[in-house]
Amino acid sequence: MSSVITHKVSAVPQAQTKIKAPADTGSPGRSKSEQKGRQILEAAGSLFMSEGYGAVSMEQVARAAGVSKQTVYSHYGSKEALFSAAVEQKCVDYEISYHSGDDERPVREYLREFIQHFSDLVTSEAGVAIHRVCIAEADKRSKLAELFWEAGPHPIMLRLTAYLEAQVKRGTLDIDHIHFAADQLLFMVKSDVHMRGVLGLPTEESEKDLPAYLDSCLDVFMKAYGATGG
């Protein structure tokens, strides 16, 4: 595998990924330390996507962020911690971190918003590029895939599972194996837009059908697990 996939992974071209992260509107209220932390995360994320994890040094991140290497280490004690924080920040940017099991909206409304945010994340330039980096460097750096899993996919799965558990208790969903149901929904939602992006193939045609596809995913899920009144 390592002989086929090169160490340096380029980001997916802009033309293939039209979904962008929400605008960063929090800067005015941040302290200088928080602003520097965000600068570091943005610089690190861009470098990891364009150069791969192994090729990026903390010194490079510092230069790209316009801060000292000591400042990078004071915010994120290691490159592993910085990578994890960059992945976590992307989940925040796409509002995946704000969902909870006590949301009072109708189940279908909540889940439609949730899967939209998840789809936006995994089909974004950043989501696709980081996925490709983890695959490309998996043989040499097995820890990298674990860091990615623990910072991104696993917390998202836990949040969705917690929500589904709460709805089962309320009687709005009827699910015997909640973890299975959460897996099924998330893997359906990833769609061929994500896979084509990971493979470096054009995604424009698939993107046109994405809203209808997500509606269809939710139809299948609710038909399987929706209870009367859900």
C-alpha atoms as a PDB file:
ATOM      1  CA  MET A   1       0.000   0.000   0.000  1.00  0.00           C
ATOM      2  CA  SER A   2       2.774   2.427   0.918  1.00  0.00           C
ATOM      3  CA  SER A   3       4.342   1.918  -2.498  1.00  0.00           C
ATOM      4  CA  VAL A   4       1.154   3.145  -4.172  1.00  0.00           C
ATOM      5  CA  ILE A   5       0.093   6.010  -1.927  1.00  0.00           C
ATOM      6  CA  THR A   6       2.712   8.715  -1.621  1.00  0.00           C
ATOM      7  CA  HIS A   7       3.709  10.296   1.660  1.00  0.00           C
ATOM      8  CA  LYS A   8       2.686  13.785   0.582  1.00  0.00           C
ATOM      9  CA  VAL A   9      -1.051  14.188   0.100  1.00  0.00           C
ATOM     10  CA  SER A  10      -2.444  17.211  -1.703  1.00  0.00           C
ATOM     11  CA  ALA A  11      -5.745  18.769  -0.739  1.00  0.00           C
ATOM     12  CA  VAL A  12      -8.749  18.132  -2.974  1.00  0.00           C
ATOM     13  CA  PRO A  13      -8.936  20.837  -5.683  1.00  0.00           C
ATOM     14  CA  GLN A  14     -11.348  23.664  -4.956  1.00  0.00           C
ATOM     15  CA  ALA A  15     -13.435  22.885  -8.041  1.00  0.00           C
ATOM     16  CA  GLN A  16     -14.296  19.459  -6.662  1.00  0.00           C
ATOM     17  CA  THR A  17     -15.511  20.614  -3.255  1.00  0.00           C
ATOM     18  CA  LYS A  18     -17.975  23.466  -3.121  1.00  0.00           C
ATOM     19  CA  ILE A  19     -19.049  23.205   0.519  1.00  0.00           C
ATOM     20  CA  LYS A  20     -17.099  25.583   2.733  1.00  0.00           C
ATOM     21  CA  ALA A  21     -16.714  25.866   6.475  1.00  0.00           C
ATOM     22  CA  PRO A  22     -18.927  28.422   8.209  1.00  0.00           C
ATOM     23  CA  ALA A  23     -17.334  31.846   8.544  1.00  0.00           C
ATOM     24  CA  ASP A  24     -15.348  32.429  11.718  1.00  0.00           C
ATOM     25  CA  THR A  25     -17.340  35.086  13.561  1.00  0.00           C
ATOM     26  CA  GLY A  26     -15.825  34.660  17.005  1.00  0.00           C
ATOM     27  CA  SER A  27     -12.588  36.641  16.585  1.00  0.00           C
ATOM     28  CA  PRO A  28     -13.749  40.006  18.028  1.00  0.00           C
ATOM     29  CA  GLY A  29     -14.581  38.432  21.395  1.00  0.00           C
ATOM     30  CA  ARG A  30     -11.422  36.373  21.730  1.00  0.00           C
ATOM     31  CA  SER A  31      -8.453  37.150  23.923  1.00  0.00           C
ATOM     32  CA  LYS A  32      -5.057  37.484  22.258  1.00  0.00           C
ATOM     33  CA  SER A  33      -4.147  34.034  23.517  1.00  0.00           C
ATOM     34  CA  GLU A  34      -7.321  32.530  22.032  1.00  0.00           C
ATOM     35  CA  GLN A  35      -6.725  34.294  18.732  1.00  0.00           C
ATOM     36  CA  LYS A  36      -3.188  32.937  18.580  1.00  0.00           C
ATOM     37  CA  GLY A  37      -4.494  29.477  19.373  1.00  0.00           C
ATOM     38  CA  ARG A  38      -6.934  29.702  16.472  1.00  0.00           C
ATOM     39  CA  GLN A  39      -4.209  31.035  14.149  1.00  0.00           C
ATOM     40  CA  ILE A  40      -2.074  28.044  15.054  1.00  0.00           C
ATOM     41  CA  LEU A  41      -4.930  25.602  14.427  1.00  0.00           C
ATOM     42  CA  GLU A  42      -5.716  27.112  11.033  1.00  0.00           C
ATOM     43  CA  ALA A  43      -2.057  27.080   9.998  1.00  0.00           C
ATOM     44  CA  ALA A  44      -1.580  23.516  11.219  1.00  0.00           C
ATOM     45  CA  GLY A  45      -4.735  22.291   9.501  1.00  0.00           C
ATOM     46  CA  SER A  46      -3.676  23.782   6.176  1.00  0.00           C
ATOM     47  CA  LEU A  47      -0.196  22.284   6.449  1.00  0.00           C
ATOM     48  CA  PHE A  48      -1.428  18.834   7.463  1.00  0.00           C
ATOM     49  CA  MET A  49      -3.813  18.823   4.493  1.00  0.00           C
ATOM     50  CA  SER A  50      -1.247  19.960   1.932  1.00  0.00           C
ATOM     51  CA  GLU A  51       1.944  18.317   3.199  1.00  0.00           C
ATOM     52  CA  GLY A  52       0.782  15.318   5.200  1.00  0.00           C
ATOM     53  CA  TYR A  53       1.309  14.791   8.915  1.00  0.00           C
ATOM     54  CA  GLY A  54       4.842  13.417   8.907  1.00  0.00           C
ATOM     55  CA  ALA A  55       6.305  16.176   6.749  1.00  0.00           C
ATOM     56  CA  VAL A  56       5.057  19.008   8.968  1.00  0.00           C
ATOM     57  CA  SER A  57       7.168  20.321  11.846  1.00  0.00           C
ATOM     58  CA  MET A  58       6.104  22.525  14.730  1.00  0.00           C
ATOM     59  CA  GLU A  59       8.551  25.125  13.422  1.00  0.00           C
ATOM     60  CA  GLN A  60       6.706  25.187  10.084  1.00  0.00           C
ATOM     61  CA  VAL A  61       3.410  25.632  11.895  1.00  0.00           C
ATOM     62  CA  ALA A  62       4.861  28.516  13.904  1.00  0.00           C
ATOM     63  CA  ARG A  63       6.086  30.280  10.756  1.00  0.00           C
ATOM     64  CA  ALA A  64       2.768  29.807   8.980  1.00  0.00           C
ATOM     65  CA  ALA A  65       0.842  31.072  12.016  1.00  0.00           C
ATOM     66  CA  GLY A  66       3.150  34.039  12.540  1.00  0.00           C
ATOM     67  CA  VAL A  67       4.069  33.034  16.092  1.00  0.00           C
ATOM     68  CA  SER A  68       7.090  31.553  17.840  1.00  0.00           C
ATOM     69  CA  LYS A  69       7.641  27.820  18.147  1.00  0.00           C
ATOM     70  CA  GLN A  70       7.468  28.265  21.920  1.00  0.00           C
ATOM     71  CA  THR A  71       3.977  29.745  21.528  1.00  0.00           C
ATOM     72  CA  VAL A  72       2.873  26.718  19.521  1.00  0.00           C
ATOM     73  CA  TYR A  73       4.129  24.379  22.239  1.00  0.00           C
ATOM     74  CA  SER A  74       2.565  26.482  25.000  1.00  0.00           C
ATOM     75  CA  HIS A  75      -0.857  26.109  23.350  1.00  0.00           C
ATOM     76  CA  TYR A  76      -0.482  22.517  22.128  1.00  0.00           C
ATOM     77  CA  GLY A  77       2.188  20.511  23.903  1.00  0.00           C
ATOM     78  CA  SER A  78       2.974  18.181  21.008  1.00  0.00           C
ATOM     79  CA  LYS A  79       2.321  17.679  17.312  1.00  0.00           C
ATOM     80  CA  GLU A  80      -0.084  14.866  18.171  1.00  0.00           C
ATOM     81  CA  ALA A  81      -2.086  17.187  20.424  1.00  0.00           C
ATOM     82  CA  LEU A  82      -2.077  19.846  17.711  1.00  0.00           C
ATOM     83  CA  PHE A  83      -3.377  17.402  15.105  1.00  0.00           C
ATOM     84  CA  SER A  84      -6.165  16.256  17.436  1.00  0.00           C
ATOM     85  CA  ALA A  85      -7.115  19.851  18.217  1.00  0.00           C
ATOM     86  CA  ALA A  86      -7.221  20.718  14.505  1.00  0.00           C
ATOM     87  CA  VAL A  87      -9.609  17.825  13.843  1.00  0.00           C
ATOM     88  CA  GLU A  88     -11.781  18.775  16.830  1.00  0.00           C
ATOM     89  CA  GLN A  89     -11.936  22.376  15.622  1.00  0.00           C
ATOM     90  CA  LYS A  90     -13.278  21.270  12.240  1.00  0.00           C
ATOM     91  CA  CYS A  91     -16.118  19.476  14.016  1.00  0.00           C
ATOM     92  CA  VAL A  92     -16.868  22.709  15.879  1.00  0.00           C
ATOM     93  CA  ASP A  93     -16.704  24.729  12.647  1.00  0.00           C
ATOM     94  CA  TYR A  94     -19.341  22.492  11.089  1.00  0.00           C
ATOM     95  CA  GLU A  95     -21.508  22.574  14.239  1.00  0.00           C
ATOM     96  CA  ILE A  96     -21.191  18.844  14.882  1.00  0.00           C
ATOM     97  CA  SER A  97     -20.118  19.514  18.480  1.00  0.00           C
ATOM     98  CA  TYR A  98     -23.261  21.343  19.549  1.00  0.00           C
ATOM     99  CA  HIS A  99     -25.810  18.545  19.310  1.00  0.00           C
ATOM    100  CA  SER A 100     -27.139  16.928  22.481  1.00  0.00           C
ATOM    101  CA  GLY A 101     -29.590  14.259  23.503  1.00  0.00           C
ATOM    102  CA  ASP A 102     -32.008  16.701  25.159  1.00  0.00           C
ATOM    103  CA  ASP A 103     -32.965  18.600  21.988  1.00  0.00           C
ATOM    104  CA  GLU A 104     -36.734  19.150  22.013  1.00  0.00           C
ATOM    105  CA  ARG A 105     -37.326  19.436  18.269  1.00  0.00           C
ATOM    106  CA  PRO A 106     -39.157  16.727  16.304  1.00  0.00           C
ATOM    107  CA  VAL A 107     -36.834  13.800  15.605  1.00  0.00           C
ATOM    108  CA  ARG A 108     -36.895  14.170  11.847  1.00  0.00           C
ATOM    109  CA  GLU A 109     -36.105  17.896  12.026  1.00  0.00           C
ATOM    110  CA  TYR A 110     -33.201  17.331  14.394  1.00  0.00           C
ATOM    111  CA  LEU A 111     -31.721  14.426  12.441  1.00  0.00           C
ATOM    112  CA  ARG A 112     -32.050  16.237   9.108  1.00  0.00           C
ATOM    113  CA  GLU A 113     -29.987  19.108  10.474  1.00  0.00           C
ATOM    114  CA  PHE A 114     -27.489  16.732  12.074  1.00  0.00           C
ATOM    115  CA  ILE A 115     -26.870  14.737   8.903  1.00  0.00           C
ATOM    116  CA  GLN A 116     -26.578  17.952   6.881  1.00  0.00           C
ATOM    117  CA  HIS A 117     -23.792  19.200   9.145  1.00  0.00           C
ATOM    118  CA  PHE A 118     -22.112  15.793   9.073  1.00  0.00           C
ATOM    119  CA  SER A 119     -22.338  15.632   5.284  1.00  0.00           C
ATOM    120  CA  ASP A 120     -20.949  19.166   4.987  1.00  0.00           C
ATOM    121  CA  LEU A 121     -17.987  18.120   7.131  1.00  0.00           C
ATOM    122  CA  VAL A 122     -17.071  14.828   5.464  1.00  0.00           C
ATOM    123  CA  THR A 123     -17.468  16.194   1.919  1.00  0.00           C
ATOM    124  CA  SER A 124     -15.577  19.435   2.620  1.00  0.00           C
ATOM    125  CA  GLU A 125     -12.077  20.026   1.318  1.00  0.00           C
ATOM    126  CA  ALA A 126     -10.701  19.721   4.850  1.00  0.00           C
ATOM    127  CA  GLY A 127     -12.679  16.588   5.695  1.00  0.00           C
ATOM    128  CA  VAL A 128     -11.621  14.795   2.536  1.00  0.00           C
ATOM    129  CA  ALA A 129      -7.986  15.891   2.744  1.00  0.00           C
ATOM    130  CA  ILE A 130      -7.481  14.823   6.368  1.00  0.00           C
ATOM    131  CA  HIS A 131      -9.080  11.466   5.584  1.00  0.00           C
ATOM    132  CA  ARG A 132      -6.637  11.001   2.721  1.00  0.00           C
ATOM    133  CA  VAL A 133      -3.681  11.941   4.926  1.00  0.00           C
ATOM    134  CA  CYS A 134      -4.658   9.321   7.514  1.00  0.00           C
ATOM    135  CA  ILE A 135      -4.976   6.623   4.850  1.00  0.00           C
ATOM    136  CA  ALA A 136      -1.718   7.588   3.134  1.00  0.00           C
ATOM    137  CA  GLU A 137       0.295   7.502   6.357  1.00  0.00           C
ATOM    138  CA  ALA A 138      -1.477   4.606   8.082  1.00  0.00           C
ATOM    139  CA  ASP A 139       1.333   2.105   7.441  1.00  0.00           C
ATOM    140  CA  LYS A 140       4.033   4.355   8.882  1.00  0.00           C
ATOM    141  CA  ARG A 141       2.005   6.088  11.587  1.00  0.00           C
ATOM    142  CA  SER A 142      -0.753   3.893  12.951  1.00  0.00           C
ATOM    143  CA  LYS A 143      -1.136   6.331  15.856  1.00  0.00           C
ATOM    144  CA  LEU A 144      -2.313   9.009  13.424  1.00  0.00           C
ATOM    145  CA  ALA A 145      -5.461   7.095  12.501  1.00  0.00           C
ATOM    146  CA  GLU A 146      -6.198   6.573  16.196  1.00  0.00           C
ATOM    147  CA  LEU A 147      -5.785  10.298  16.883  1.00  0.00           C
ATOM    148  CA  PHE A 148      -8.154  11.118  14.033  1.00  0.00           C
ATOM    149  CA  TRP A 149     -10.713   8.576  15.221  1.00  0.00           C
ATOM    150  CA  GLU A 150     -10.671   9.818  18.814  1.00  0.00           C
ATOM    151  CA  ALA A 151     -10.836  13.510  17.847  1.00  0.00           C
ATOM    152  CA  GLY A 152     -13.463  13.322  15.099  1.00  0.00           C
ATOM    153  CA  PRO A 153     -15.507  10.238  14.134  1.00  0.00           C
ATOM    154  CA  HIS A 154     -15.772   8.675  17.589  1.00  0.00           C
ATOM    155  CA  PRO A 155     -17.131  11.772  19.417  1.00  0.00           C
ATOM    156  CA  ILE A 156     -19.615  12.332  16.583  1.00  0.00           C
ATOM    157  CA  MET A 157     -20.782   8.737  16.918  1.00  0.00           C
ATOM    158  CA  LEU A 158     -21.142   9.138  20.690  1.00  0.00           C
ATOM    159  CA  ARG A 159     -23.208  12.316  20.298  1.00  0.00           C
ATOM    160  CA  LEU A 160     -25.549  10.682  17.814  1.00  0.00           C
ATOM    161  CA  THR A 161     -25.837   7.568  19.974  1.00  0.00           C
ATOM    162  CA  ALA A 162     -26.702   9.687  23.029  1.00  0.00           C
ATOM    163  CA  TYR A 163     -29.422  11.459  21.068  1.00  0.00           C
ATOM    164  CA  LEU A 164     -30.901   8.201  19.771  1.00  0.00           C
ATOM    165  CA  GLU A 165     -30.859   6.702  23.274  1.00  0.00           C
ATOM    166  CA  ALA A 166     -32.770   9.715  24.596  1.00  0.00           C
ATOM    167  CA  GLN A 167     -35.371   9.395  21.844  1.00  0.00           C
ATOM    168  CA  VAL A 168     -35.829   5.677  22.477  1.00  0.00           C
ATOM    169  CA  LYS A 169     -36.542   6.478  26.142  1.00  0.00           C
ATOM    170  CA  ARG A 170     -39.107   9.074  25.038  1.00  0.00           C
ATOM    171  CA  GLY A 171     -40.767   6.573  22.738  1.00  0.00           C
ATOM    172  CA  THR A 172     -40.175   8.585  19.561  1.00  0.00           C
ATOM    173  CA  LEU A 173     -37.807   5.968  18.121  1.00  0.00           C
ATOM    174  CA  ASP A 174     -37.904   2.176  18.355  1.00  0.00           C
ATOM    175  CA  ILE A 175     -34.329   0.849  18.171  1.00  0.00           C
ATOM    176  CA  ASP A 176     -32.991  -2.412  19.598  1.00  0.00           C
ATOM    177  CA  HIS A 177     -29.319  -1.866  18.719  1.00  0.00           C
ATOM    178  CA  ILE A 178     -28.643   1.862  18.991  1.00  0.00           C
ATOM    179  CA  HIS A 179     -24.976   1.663  18.015  1.00  0.00           C
ATOM    180  CA  PHE A 180     -25.913  -0.242  14.847  1.00  0.00           C
ATOM    181  CA  ALA A 181     -28.519   2.386  13.971  1.00  0.00           C
ATOM    182  CA  ALA A 182     -26.073   5.265  14.472  1.00  0.00           C
ATOM    183  CA  ASP A 183     -23.477   3.494  12.316  1.00  0.00           C
ATOM    184  CA  GLN A 184     -26.024   2.855   9.582  1.00  0.00           C
ATOM    185  CA  LEU A 185     -27.141   6.472   9.425  1.00  0.00           C
ATOM    186  CA  LEU A 186     -23.647   7.972   9.375  1.00  0.00           C
ATOM    187  CA  PHE A 187     -22.307   5.566   6.763  1.00  0.00           C
ATOM    188  CA  MET A 188     -25.320   6.159   4.525  1.00  0.00           C
ATOM    189  CA  VAL A 189     -24.838   9.914   4.800  1.00  0.00           C
ATOM    190  CA  LYS A 190     -21.175   9.825   3.746  1.00  0.00           C
ATOM    191  CA  SER A 191     -22.378   9.131   0.184  1.00  0.00           C
ATOM    192  CA  ASP A 192     -20.352   8.796  -2.994  1.00  0.00           C
ATOM    193  CA  VAL A 193     -19.432  12.494  -2.777  1.00  0.00           C
ATOM    194  CA  HIS A 194     -17.069  11.650   0.072  1.00  0.00           C
ATOM    195  CA  MET A 195     -15.676   8.551  -1.631  1.00  0.00           C
ATOM    196  CA  ARG A 196     -15.125  10.311  -4.949  1.00  0.00           C
ATOM    197  CA  GLY A 197     -13.420  13.166  -3.128  1.00  0.00           C
ATOM    198  CA  VAL A 198     -11.075  10.777  -1.313  1.00  0.00           C
ATOM    199  CA  LEU A 199     -10.217   9.166  -4.653  1.00  0.00           C
ATOM    200  CA  GLY A 200      -9.608  12.556  -6.272  1.00  0.00           C
ATOM    201  CA  LEU A 201     -12.520  12.171  -8.697  1.00  0.00           C
ATOM    202  CA  PRO A 202     -14.905  14.983  -9.739  1.00  0.00           C
ATOM    203  CA  THR A 203     -17.883  15.387  -7.404  1.00  0.00           C
ATOM    204  CA  GLU A 204     -19.989  18.058  -9.116  1.00  0.00           C
ATOM    205  CA  GLU A 205     -22.646  15.713 -10.527  1.00  0.00           C
ATOM    206  CA  SER A 206     -23.053  13.835  -7.250  1.00  0.00           C
ATOM    207  CA  GLU A 207     -23.259  17.098  -5.292  1.00  0.00           C
ATOM    208  CA  LYS A 208     -26.311  18.159  -7.314  1.00  0.00           C
ATOM    209  CA  ASP A 209     -28.269  15.203  -5.947  1.00  0.00           C
ATOM    210  CA  LEU A 210     -26.937  15.425  -2.388  1.00  0.00           C
ATOM    211  CA  PRO A 211     -29.949  17.189  -0.746  1.00  0.00           C
ATOM    212  CA  ALA A 212     -32.365  14.626  -2.194  1.00  0.00           C
ATOM    213  CA  TYR A 213     -29.984  11.827  -1.240  1.00  0.00           C
ATOM    214  CA  LEU A 214     -29.848  13.007   2.392  1.00  0.00           C
ATOM    215  CA  ASP A 215     -33.647  13.177   2.504  1.00  0.00           C
ATOM    216  CA  SER A 216     -33.724   9.612   1.200  1.00  0.00           C
ATOM    217  CA  CYS A 217     -31.261   8.458   3.870  1.00  0.00           C
ATOM    218  CA  LEU A 218     -33.511   9.904   6.542  1.00  0.00           C
ATOM    219  CA  ASP A 219     -36.589   8.294   4.958  1.00  0.00           C
ATOM    220  CA  VAL A 220     -34.909   4.885   5.170  1.00  0.00           C
ATOM    221  CA  PHE A 221     -33.800   5.484   8.762  1.00  0.00           C
ATOM    222  CA  MET A 222     -37.206   6.675   9.968  1.00  0.00           C
ATOM    223  CA  LYS A 223     -39.005   3.845   8.183  1.00  0.00           C
ATOM    224  CA  ALA A 224     -36.771   1.373  10.014  1.00  0.00           C
ATOM    225  CA  TYR A 225     -36.741   3.007  13.452  1.00  0.00           C
ATOM    226  CA  GLY A 226     -39.515   5.584  13.700  1.00  0.00           C
ATOM    227  CA  ALA A 227     -42.143   4.914  16.362  1.00  0.00           C
ATOM    228  CA  THR A 228     -45.708   6.224  16.310  1.00  0.00           C
ATOM    229  CA  GLY A 229     -45.554   9.938  17.028  1.00  0.00           C
ATOM    230  CA  GLY A 230     -41.796  10.182  16.124  1.00  0.00           C
END
